[in-house]
């Protein structure tokens, strides 16, 4: 606890004179290491949006229990600013709940949003609003989302809300609590005075190679505009996840990886376009860990490259963090994953 407090004090001192952003957009490329980022420079027909960043850092991803983290411990570090054990969702090493930055900002009057391609109860999105001992407690995570007060969410996982072992219906609870819920479409116009929840598949959305459209960049853009209007100048926080970069690594699927990484790059572009015009928005792009040990090697001749996955598991290399907007200079350097949240809280004055 003393070390945690010291780190927070240092971060606060360093950012005392930094410009405070009004809004925060956190984009997480699940499983996205530097090699995955590099693919956008070789497989995109134009310059990737990654090239628009001027402030870049590196993050160490190990959890408190393992050198090789999982997404739950990794996302908890970003959401709650602590190192915890693999499989933990929003709890510390003693399984005690720890507040998330989304919860703290909500108390300050911020509007909040979550977007994922996997189930909205999956490890990465779940860590921003839920507190459970194990990431597989999907039904409990769904129940907690129904009470969390998030202004907007979109993802998959309908079954965890409506086909529950306890026969409760968290989907109906959200409707009762004033949410406009939908299991069919996510491209309807968003009205600033309403809250929305989109559950667009039973467990997971399809990959880009299996027919998913531009859902992630399109929805991210729409929700940024929605949160901007809904917050009315009080600020918003949005987390949007490129979930299947990780899954491409687990399946060692090169074509899937390229498609998902390019889709995530377009999502980054949507966030940067808004931030550049707005002037008061901080965009943070990073990963919870690398997946697959991806390498870009010499191909059949000197003018081609070959992508090779060395494993189907998570790996330990440091992952990049790209930052744009007010206070971006404070996120350069090399640091632990939980320190990113400490830097952000200090910048926001939390």
Protein backbone atom coordinates (compact mmCIF):
# COMPACT_ATOMS: atom_id res chain seq x y z
CA UNK A 1 0.00 0.00 0.00
CA UNK A 2 2.88 2.37 0.81
CA UNK A 3 4.45 1.75 -2.62
CA UNK A 4 1.07 2.37 -4.28
CA UNK A 5 0.64 5.68 -2.40
CA UNK A 6 4.17 6.80 -3.26
CA UNK A 7 3.65 6.09 -6.96
CA UNK A 8 0.38 8.03 -6.91
CA UNK A 9 2.02 11.02 -5.19
CA UNK A 10 4.83 11.05 -7.74
CA UNK A 11 2.38 10.90 -10.63
CA UNK A 12 0.30 13.69 -9.10
CA UNK A 13 3.36 15.91 -8.63
CA UNK A 14 4.55 15.36 -12.18
CA UNK A 15 1.18 16.29 -13.64
CA UNK A 16 0.37 19.23 -11.40
CA UNK A 17 0.97 21.64 -14.27
CA UNK A 18 -0.29 19.47 -17.13
CA UNK A 19 -3.38 20.45 -19.10
CA UNK A 20 -6.35 18.40 -17.93
CA UNK A 21 -8.33 16.67 -20.69
CA UNK A 22 -12.09 16.86 -20.62
CA UNK A 23 -12.67 13.46 -22.26
CA UNK A 24 -10.78 10.16 -22.34
CA UNK A 25 -10.95 7.52 -25.08
CA UNK A 26 -9.13 4.30 -24.22
CA UNK A 27 -8.66 1.89 -27.13
CA UNK A 28 -7.38 -1.57 -26.18
CA UNK A 29 -6.07 -3.90 -28.85
CA UNK A 30 -6.34 -7.20 -27.01
CA UNK A 31 -3.18 -9.21 -27.75
CA UNK A 32 -1.62 -6.37 -29.75
CA UNK A 33 2.15 -6.25 -29.56
CA UNK A 34 4.52 -4.13 -31.62
CA UNK A 35 4.62 -6.76 -34.38
CA UNK A 36 0.83 -6.62 -34.70
CA UNK A 37 1.01 -2.83 -34.94
CA UNK A 38 3.73 -3.18 -37.58
CA UNK A 39 1.41 -5.13 -39.88
CA UNK A 40 -0.61 -1.97 -40.50
CA UNK A 41 2.47 -0.37 -42.06
CA UNK A 42 2.86 -3.24 -44.52
CA UNK A 43 -0.72 -4.26 -45.29
CA UNK A 44 -2.61 -0.97 -45.36
CA UNK A 45 -2.81 0.91 -48.65
CA UNK A 46 -2.36 4.26 -46.90
CA UNK A 47 -0.47 5.45 -43.84
CA UNK A 48 -1.85 3.81 -40.70
CA UNK A 49 -3.38 6.05 -38.06
CA UNK A 50 -0.69 4.88 -35.65
CA UNK A 51 1.61 7.26 -37.53
CA UNK A 52 -0.37 10.24 -36.24
CA UNK A 53 0.90 9.78 -32.68
CA UNK A 54 3.89 11.73 -31.34
CA UNK A 55 3.92 10.41 -27.78
CA UNK A 56 4.69 6.71 -27.39
CA UNK A 57 5.63 4.55 -24.42
CA UNK A 58 6.13 0.92 -23.46
CA UNK A 59 4.23 -1.03 -20.82
CA UNK A 60 5.27 -4.11 -18.85
CA UNK A 61 2.32 -6.48 -18.69
CA UNK A 62 3.11 -9.12 -16.02
CA UNK A 63 0.41 -9.68 -13.41
CA UNK A 64 0.95 -10.07 -9.66
CA UNK A 65 0.66 -13.85 -9.94
CA UNK A 66 2.29 -14.62 -13.30
CA UNK A 67 4.95 -13.20 -15.59
CA UNK A 68 2.54 -13.95 -18.45
CA UNK A 69 -0.69 -12.11 -17.73
CA UNK A 70 -4.19 -12.90 -18.89
CA UNK A 71 -6.66 -10.29 -20.10
CA UNK A 72 -8.47 -10.13 -16.76
CA UNK A 73 -5.43 -9.14 -14.70
CA UNK A 74 -4.21 -6.92 -17.52
CA UNK A 75 -7.48 -5.01 -17.82
CA UNK A 76 -7.84 -4.75 -14.04
CA UNK A 77 -4.45 -3.01 -13.98
CA UNK A 78 -5.69 -0.46 -16.53
CA UNK A 79 -9.12 -0.05 -14.95
CA UNK A 80 -8.21 -0.05 -11.24
CA UNK A 81 -4.50 0.77 -11.05
CA UNK A 82 -3.42 -2.38 -9.22
CA UNK A 83 -1.55 -5.56 -10.03
CA UNK A 84 -3.67 -8.61 -9.30
CA UNK A 85 -3.81 -12.33 -10.05
CA UNK A 86 -4.69 -13.90 -13.40
CA UNK A 87 -8.45 -14.35 -13.86
CA UNK A 88 -9.35 -11.55 -11.43
CA UNK A 89 -11.99 -9.04 -12.49
CA UNK A 90 -11.81 -5.80 -10.54
CA UNK A 91 -10.53 -7.37 -7.32
CA UNK A 92 -7.16 -7.34 -5.58
CA UNK A 93 -4.98 -10.27 -4.49
CA UNK A 94 -7.29 -10.85 -1.52
CA UNK A 95 -10.33 -10.86 -3.85
CA UNK A 96 -11.52 -7.55 -2.41
CA UNK A 97 -13.26 -5.18 -4.88
CA UNK A 98 -11.25 -2.18 -6.04
CA UNK A 99 -12.89 0.85 -7.68
CA UNK A 100 -12.48 1.30 -11.41
CA UNK A 101 -11.69 4.54 -13.15
CA UNK A 102 -15.03 4.31 -14.94
CA UNK A 103 -16.84 4.10 -11.60
CA UNK A 104 -14.86 7.00 -10.16
CA UNK A 105 -15.48 9.19 -13.18
CA UNK A 106 -19.18 8.31 -13.11
CA UNK A 107 -19.32 9.66 -9.57
CA UNK A 108 -17.77 12.89 -10.87
CA UNK A 109 -20.56 13.30 -13.43
CA UNK A 110 -18.81 11.88 -16.49
CA UNK A 111 -20.73 9.92 -19.10
CA UNK A 112 -19.36 6.46 -19.82
CA UNK A 113 -19.33 3.91 -22.62
CA UNK A 114 -18.03 0.43 -23.44
CA UNK A 115 -17.63 -1.32 -26.79
CA UNK A 116 -16.31 -4.84 -27.48
CA UNK A 117 -16.52 -7.48 -30.19
CA UNK A 118 -16.66 -10.35 -27.71
CA UNK A 119 -19.21 -10.68 -24.90
CA UNK A 120 -19.56 -7.44 -22.98
CA UNK A 121 -19.04 -9.64 -19.89
CA UNK A 122 -15.65 -10.81 -21.17
CA UNK A 123 -12.45 -10.03 -19.28
CA UNK A 124 -11.45 -6.69 -20.78
CA UNK A 125 -14.78 -4.83 -20.77
CA UNK A 126 -15.87 -6.55 -17.54
CA UNK A 127 -12.94 -5.12 -15.60
CA UNK A 128 -14.25 -1.58 -16.03
CA UNK A 129 -17.52 -2.14 -14.16
CA UNK A 130 -17.53 -5.54 -12.39
CA UNK A 131 -15.86 -7.14 -9.36
CA UNK A 132 -15.68 -10.96 -9.26
CA UNK A 133 -13.13 -13.55 -8.22
CA UNK A 134 -13.04 -15.32 -11.59
CA UNK A 135 -13.51 -14.10 -15.16
CA UNK A 136 -15.84 -17.01 -16.00
CA UNK A 137 -18.59 -15.67 -13.72
CA UNK A 138 -20.34 -14.20 -16.76
CA UNK A 139 -23.84 -14.18 -15.30
CA UNK A 140 -22.75 -12.28 -12.21
CA UNK A 141 -20.76 -9.88 -14.36
CA UNK A 142 -23.89 -9.30 -16.48
CA UNK A 143 -25.93 -8.68 -13.34
CA UNK A 144 -23.42 -6.09 -12.19
CA UNK A 145 -23.53 -4.36 -15.58
CA UNK A 146 -27.31 -4.06 -15.26
CA UNK A 147 -26.74 -1.96 -12.11
CA UNK A 148 -23.55 -0.10 -13.11
CA UNK A 149 -25.17 2.93 -14.74
CA UNK A 150 -23.01 2.86 -17.88
CA UNK A 151 -24.56 5.23 -20.41
CA UNK A 152 -23.82 3.08 -23.46
CA UNK A 153 -22.51 -0.39 -24.12
CA UNK A 154 -22.33 -2.61 -27.18
CA UNK A 155 -21.01 -6.11 -27.62
CA UNK A 156 -22.18 -9.70 -27.49
CA UNK A 157 -23.23 -12.04 -24.67
CA UNK A 158 -27.04 -12.08 -24.80
CA UNK A 159 -27.15 -15.50 -23.15
CA UNK A 160 -25.58 -14.21 -19.94
CA UNK A 161 -28.42 -11.72 -19.58
CA UNK A 162 -31.41 -13.83 -20.67
CA UNK A 163 -30.52 -17.56 -20.43
CA UNK A 164 -29.29 -17.61 -16.87
CA UNK A 165 -29.05 -20.53 -14.47
CA UNK A 166 -30.78 -18.43 -11.80
CA UNK A 167 -33.64 -17.71 -14.24
CA UNK A 168 -33.21 -13.97 -13.68
CA UNK A 169 -33.32 -11.64 -16.68
CA UNK A 170 -30.73 -8.87 -16.55
CA UNK A 171 -31.85 -7.72 -20.00
CA UNK A 172 -35.31 -6.96 -18.64
CA UNK A 173 -33.79 -5.25 -15.61
CA UNK A 174 -31.91 -2.88 -17.89
CA UNK A 175 -35.08 -2.09 -19.82
CA UNK A 176 -36.80 -1.38 -16.50
CA UNK A 177 -33.91 0.91 -15.60
CA UNK A 178 -34.51 2.99 -18.72
CA UNK A 179 -32.13 1.48 -21.27
CA UNK A 180 -33.02 1.21 -24.93
CA UNK A 181 -31.98 -2.40 -25.52
CA UNK A 182 -31.48 -4.10 -28.88
CA UNK A 183 -30.23 -7.50 -30.04
CA UNK A 184 -30.47 -6.85 -33.77
CA UNK A 185 -28.94 -3.55 -34.85
CA UNK A 186 -26.47 -1.05 -33.48
CA UNK A 187 -26.56 1.60 -36.20
CA UNK A 188 -29.74 3.34 -35.15
CA UNK A 189 -29.48 7.08 -34.36
CA UNK A 190 -28.46 7.68 -30.75
CA UNK A 191 -30.41 10.27 -28.78
CA UNK A 192 -28.42 12.08 -26.11
CA UNK A 193 -31.15 11.87 -23.45
CA UNK A 194 -31.37 8.06 -23.62
CA UNK A 195 -29.15 5.20 -22.39
CA UNK A 196 -28.40 2.27 -24.72
CA UNK A 197 -27.40 -1.36 -24.52
CA UNK A 198 -26.71 -3.48 -27.60
CA UNK A 199 -26.21 -7.24 -27.27
CA UNK A 200 -25.68 -8.31 -30.86
CA UNK A 201 -24.81 -12.01 -30.56
CA UNK A 202 -25.40 -14.88 -28.18
CA UNK A 203 -21.73 -15.20 -27.19
CA UNK A 204 -19.49 -13.37 -29.68
CA UNK A 205 -19.63 -11.42 -32.92
CA UNK A 206 -18.08 -12.86 -36.07
CA UNK A 207 -14.53 -11.99 -37.06
CA UNK A 208 -13.90 -9.67 -40.00
CA UNK A 209 -13.03 -12.69 -42.14
CA UNK A 210 -16.37 -14.28 -41.22
CA UNK A 211 -18.54 -11.37 -42.25
CA UNK A 212 -18.41 -8.68 -39.56
CA UNK A 213 -18.88 -5.25 -41.08
CA UNK A 214 -17.30 -1.98 -39.91
CA UNK A 215 -19.05 -2.29 -36.53
CA UNK A 216 -16.06 -1.32 -34.39
CA UNK A 217 -14.92 1.92 -36.10
CA UNK A 218 -18.50 2.91 -36.98
CA UNK A 219 -19.87 2.35 -33.50
CA UNK A 220 -16.87 3.96 -31.83
CA UNK A 221 -17.38 7.11 -33.93
CA UNK A 222 -21.12 7.19 -33.23
CA UNK A 223 -20.69 6.67 -29.50
CA UNK A 224 -18.02 9.37 -29.24
CA UNK A 225 -20.48 11.83 -30.79
CA UNK A 226 -23.28 10.55 -28.54
CA UNK A 227 -21.23 10.81 -25.35
CA UNK A 228 -20.00 14.26 -26.34
CA UNK A 229 -23.59 15.48 -26.66
CA UNK A 230 -24.85 13.60 -23.60
CA UNK A 231 -22.06 14.84 -21.34
CA UNK A 232 -22.79 18.48 -22.29
CA UNK A 233 -19.25 19.54 -21.48
CA UNK A 234 -18.94 17.56 -18.23
CA UNK A 235 -16.65 14.97 -19.82
CA UNK A 236 -16.87 11.36 -20.94
CA UNK A 237 -14.89 8.14 -20.76
CA UNK A 238 -15.06 5.49 -23.49
CA UNK A 239 -13.29 2.13 -23.66
CA UNK A 240 -13.42 0.38 -27.04
CA UNK A 241 -11.71 -3.00 -27.52
CA UNK A 242 -10.33 -4.66 -30.63
CA UNK A 243 -11.05 -8.06 -29.12
CA UNK A 244 -10.11 -10.39 -31.96
CA UNK A 245 -6.52 -9.36 -32.44
CA UNK A 246 -5.99 -11.65 -29.47
CA UNK A 247 -8.13 -14.42 -30.93
CA UNK A 248 -6.18 -14.34 -34.18
CA UNK A 249 -3.03 -15.01 -32.14
CA UNK A 250 -4.64 -17.86 -30.24
CA UNK A 251 -5.70 -19.49 -33.50
CA UNK A 252 -2.40 -18.56 -35.23
CA UNK A 253 -4.48 -17.12 -38.08
CA UNK A 254 -2.43 -14.59 -40.06
CA UNK A 255 -5.25 -13.47 -42.37
CA UNK A 256 -7.54 -12.90 -39.40
CA UNK A 257 -4.84 -10.93 -37.62
CA UNK A 258 -4.29 -8.58 -40.56
CA UNK A 259 -8.02 -7.96 -41.00
CA UNK A 260 -8.61 -7.31 -37.30
CA UNK A 261 -5.57 -5.07 -36.96
CA UNK A 262 -6.61 -2.95 -39.94
CA UNK A 263 -10.13 -2.68 -38.51
CA UNK A 264 -8.68 -1.53 -35.19
CA UNK A 265 -6.55 1.04 -37.01
CA UNK A 266 -9.71 2.53 -38.54
CA UNK A 267 -11.18 2.69 -35.04
CA UNK A 268 -8.12 4.64 -33.91
CA UNK A 269 -8.67 7.00 -36.83
CA UNK A 270 -12.24 7.71 -35.70
CA UNK A 271 -11.02 8.58 -32.20
CA UNK A 272 -8.16 10.77 -33.43
CA UNK A 273 -10.38 12.65 -35.88
CA UNK A 274 -12.65 13.67 -33.00
CA UNK A 275 -9.78 14.47 -30.65
CA UNK A 276 -8.03 16.69 -33.19
CA UNK A 277 -11.16 18.75 -33.74
CA UNK A 278 -12.19 18.81 -30.08
CA UNK A 279 -8.85 19.77 -28.55
CA UNK A 280 -9.87 18.55 -25.07
CA UNK A 281 -9.81 14.79 -25.57
CA UNK A 282 -7.06 12.37 -24.56
CA UNK A 283 -6.76 9.24 -26.73
CA UNK A 284 -4.82 6.29 -25.32
CA UNK A 285 -4.15 3.22 -27.47
CA UNK A 286 -2.51 0.19 -25.90
CA UNK A 287 -2.78 -3.57 -25.30
CA UNK A 288 -3.22 -5.84 -22.31
CA UNK A 289 -0.50 -8.19 -23.59
CA UNK A 290 0.87 -9.69 -26.79
CA UNK A 291 -0.56 -12.95 -28.13
CA UNK A 292 1.13 -15.44 -30.42
CA UNK A 293 4.74 -14.29 -30.45
CA UNK A 294 4.16 -12.80 -33.90
CA UNK A 295 7.23 -12.17 -36.04
CA UNK A 296 7.57 -10.41 -39.39
CA UNK A 297 10.23 -12.30 -41.32
CA UNK A 298 11.79 -12.32 -44.74
CA UNK A 299 9.48 -13.99 -47.21
CA UNK A 300 10.18 -15.97 -50.36
CA UNK A 301 12.26 -13.09 -51.70
CA UNK A 302 13.75 -9.87 -50.34
CA UNK A 303 10.69 -7.83 -51.31
CA UNK A 304 8.16 -9.85 -49.31
CA UNK A 305 7.54 -10.53 -45.65
CA UNK A 306 6.12 -13.54 -43.91
CA UNK A 307 4.06 -13.41 -40.72
CA UNK A 308 4.68 -16.26 -38.31
CA UNK A 309 3.11 -17.01 -34.94
CA UNK A 310 5.53 -18.79 -32.62
CA UNK A 311 2.88 -19.87 -30.10
CA UNK A 312 -0.88 -19.85 -29.54
CA UNK A 313 -0.49 -18.36 -26.06
CA UNK A 314 0.05 -14.96 -24.47
CA UNK A 315 3.65 -13.72 -24.29
CA UNK A 316 5.68 -11.36 -22.09
CA UNK A 317 7.17 -8.59 -24.32
CA UNK A 318 6.42 -5.00 -23.39
CA UNK A 319 3.50 -3.59 -25.35
CA UNK A 320 3.30 -0.11 -26.88
CA UNK A 321 1.11 2.73 -25.67
CA UNK A 322 0.25 5.55 -28.08
CA UNK A 323 -1.17 8.78 -26.66
CA UNK A 324 -2.65 11.92 -28.22
CA UNK A 325 -4.14 14.99 -26.61
CA UNK A 326 -3.78 17.11 -23.46
CA UNK A 327 -1.18 15.58 -21.14
CA UNK A 328 0.01 12.99 -23.66
CA UNK A 329 3.65 13.74 -22.84
CA UNK A 330 3.15 12.21 -19.39
CA UNK A 331 2.63 8.72 -20.82
CA UNK A 332 5.99 8.27 -22.54
CA UNK A 333 8.75 6.08 -21.12
CA UNK A 334 8.67 2.53 -19.77
CA UNK A 335 6.40 1.62 -16.86
CA UNK A 336 4.16 -1.06 -15.34
CA UNK A 337 0.65 -1.51 -16.73
CA UNK A 338 -1.07 -0.34 -13.53
CA UNK A 339 0.97 2.88 -13.65
CA UNK A 340 -0.91 3.94 -16.77
CA UNK A 341 -4.09 4.23 -14.70
CA UNK A 342 -2.23 6.10 -11.96
CA UNK A 343 -0.92 8.57 -14.52
CA UNK A 344 -4.42 9.03 -15.93
CA UNK A 345 -6.02 9.57 -12.52
CA UNK A 346 -3.36 12.09 -11.57
CA UNK A 347 -3.90 13.95 -14.84
CA UNK A 348 -7.67 14.02 -14.26
CA UNK A 349 -7.26 15.08 -10.64
CA UNK A 350 -8.88 11.98 -9.15
